[in-house]
Amino acid sequence: MKYPLIAVAVVLLAITLTGCKGEGKPGQYPPSLYQERDSALSDAELEKNKQEAAGNKGN
């Protein structure tokens, strides 16, 4: 081989990239912004919390 260092680098890169297959760890990615969650507040609850916070700042 004319360039053994480049060949070794290519092999290592190929091994690294093939080692990244799989589903990943649970909780590795945050839930989608568009996914409805049980713990998510409704729009009415968010508005109520904003109004309460604005009322408490005046005191």
C-alpha atoms as a PDB file:
ATOM      1  CA  MET A   1       0.000   0.000   0.000  1.00  0.00           C
ATOM      2  CA  LYS A   2       1.204   3.435  -0.836  1.00  0.00           C
ATOM      3  CA  TYR A   3      -0.534   5.306   2.019  1.00  0.00           C
ATOM      4  CA  PRO A   4      -0.886   2.988   5.066  1.00  0.00           C
ATOM      5  CA  LEU A   5      -1.707   5.817   7.482  1.00  0.00           C
ATOM      6  CA  ILE A   6      -4.672   6.922   5.369  1.00  0.00           C
ATOM      7  CA  ALA A   7      -5.866   3.312   5.082  1.00  0.00           C
ATOM      8  CA  VAL A   8      -5.752   2.900   8.879  1.00  0.00           C
ATOM      9  CA  ALA A   9      -7.649   6.168   9.339  1.00  0.00           C
ATOM     10  CA  VAL A  10     -10.341   5.052   6.882  1.00  0.00           C
ATOM     11  CA  VAL A  11     -10.726   1.689   8.643  1.00  0.00           C
ATOM     12  CA  LEU A  12     -11.000   3.350  12.064  1.00  0.00           C
ATOM     13  CA  LEU A  13     -13.554   5.808  10.733  1.00  0.00           C
ATOM     14  CA  ALA A  14     -15.607   2.976   9.234  1.00  0.00           C
ATOM     15  CA  ILE A  15     -15.550   1.033  12.515  1.00  0.00           C
ATOM     16  CA  THR A  16     -16.563   4.127  14.469  1.00  0.00           C
ATOM     17  CA  LEU A  17     -19.476   4.922  12.169  1.00  0.00           C
ATOM     18  CA  THR A  18     -20.798   1.360  12.140  1.00  0.00           C
ATOM     19  CA  GLY A  19     -20.607   1.231  15.931  1.00  0.00           C
ATOM     20  CA  CYS A  20     -23.182   4.028  16.191  1.00  0.00           C
ATOM     21  CA  LYS A  21     -26.079   1.886  15.015  1.00  0.00           C
ATOM     22  CA  GLY A  22     -28.965   1.074  17.325  1.00  0.00           C
ATOM     23  CA  GLU A  23     -31.794   2.693  19.178  1.00  0.00           C
ATOM     24  CA  GLY A  24     -29.641   4.487  21.704  1.00  0.00           C
ATOM     25  CA  LYS A  25     -30.222   4.818  25.408  1.00  0.00           C
ATOM     26  CA  PRO A  26     -33.706   5.424  26.781  1.00  0.00           C
ATOM     27  CA  GLY A  27     -34.187   9.119  27.448  1.00  0.00           C
ATOM     28  CA  GLN A  28     -31.313  10.066  25.177  1.00  0.00           C
ATOM     29  CA  TYR A  29     -33.510  12.392  23.160  1.00  0.00           C
ATOM     30  CA  PRO A  30     -36.056  14.815  24.651  1.00  0.00           C
ATOM     31  CA  PRO A  31     -39.723  14.226  23.887  1.00  0.00           C
ATOM     32  CA  SER A  32     -41.090  15.929  20.843  1.00  0.00           C
ATOM     33  CA  LEU A  33     -42.496  19.419  21.227  1.00  0.00           C
ATOM     34  CA  TYR A  34     -45.596  18.267  19.417  1.00  0.00           C
ATOM     35  CA  GLN A  35     -46.166  15.178  21.540  1.00  0.00           C
ATOM     36  CA  GLU A  36     -48.876  15.499  24.191  1.00  0.00           C
ATOM     37  CA  ARG A  37     -47.606  14.541  27.656  1.00  0.00           C
ATOM     38  CA  ASP A  38     -49.561  13.727  30.800  1.00  0.00           C
ATOM     39  CA  SER A  39     -47.631  16.303  32.827  1.00  0.00           C
ATOM     40  CA  ALA A  40     -48.159  19.130  30.316  1.00  0.00           C
ATOM     41  CA  LEU A  41     -50.302  22.044  31.448  1.00  0.00           C
ATOM     42  CA  SER A  42     -53.305  23.056  29.412  1.00  0.00           C
ATOM     43  CA  ASP A  43     -53.587  26.518  27.861  1.00  0.00           C
ATOM     44  CA  ALA A  44     -56.126  27.544  30.520  1.00  0.00           C
ATOM     45  CA  GLU A  45     -53.788  26.488  33.334  1.00  0.00           C
ATOM     46  CA  LEU A  46     -50.875  28.366  31.765  1.00  0.00           C
ATOM     47  CA  GLU A  47     -52.961  31.526  31.414  1.00  0.00           C
ATOM     48  CA  LYS A  48     -54.161  31.239  35.013  1.00  0.00           C
ATOM     49  CA  ASN A  49     -50.568  30.884  36.240  1.00  0.00           C
ATOM     50  CA  LYS A  50     -49.516  33.971  34.245  1.00  0.00           C
ATOM     51  CA  GLN A  51     -52.344  36.026  35.729  1.00  0.00           C
ATOM     52  CA  GLU A  52     -51.531  34.880  39.265  1.00  0.00           C
ATOM     53  CA  ALA A  53     -47.848  35.735  38.767  1.00  0.00           C
ATOM     54  CA  ALA A  54     -48.758  39.192  37.426  1.00  0.00           C
ATOM     55  CA  GLY A  55     -51.065  39.764  40.402  1.00  0.00           C
ATOM     56  CA  ASN A  56     -48.389  38.719  42.894  1.00  0.00           C
ATOM     57  CA  LYS A  57     -45.816  41.124  41.419  1.00  0.00           C
ATOM     58  CA  GLY A  58     -48.024  44.094  42.287  1.00  0.00           C
ATOM     59  CA  ASN A  59     -47.970  43.248  46.012  1.00  0.00           C
END
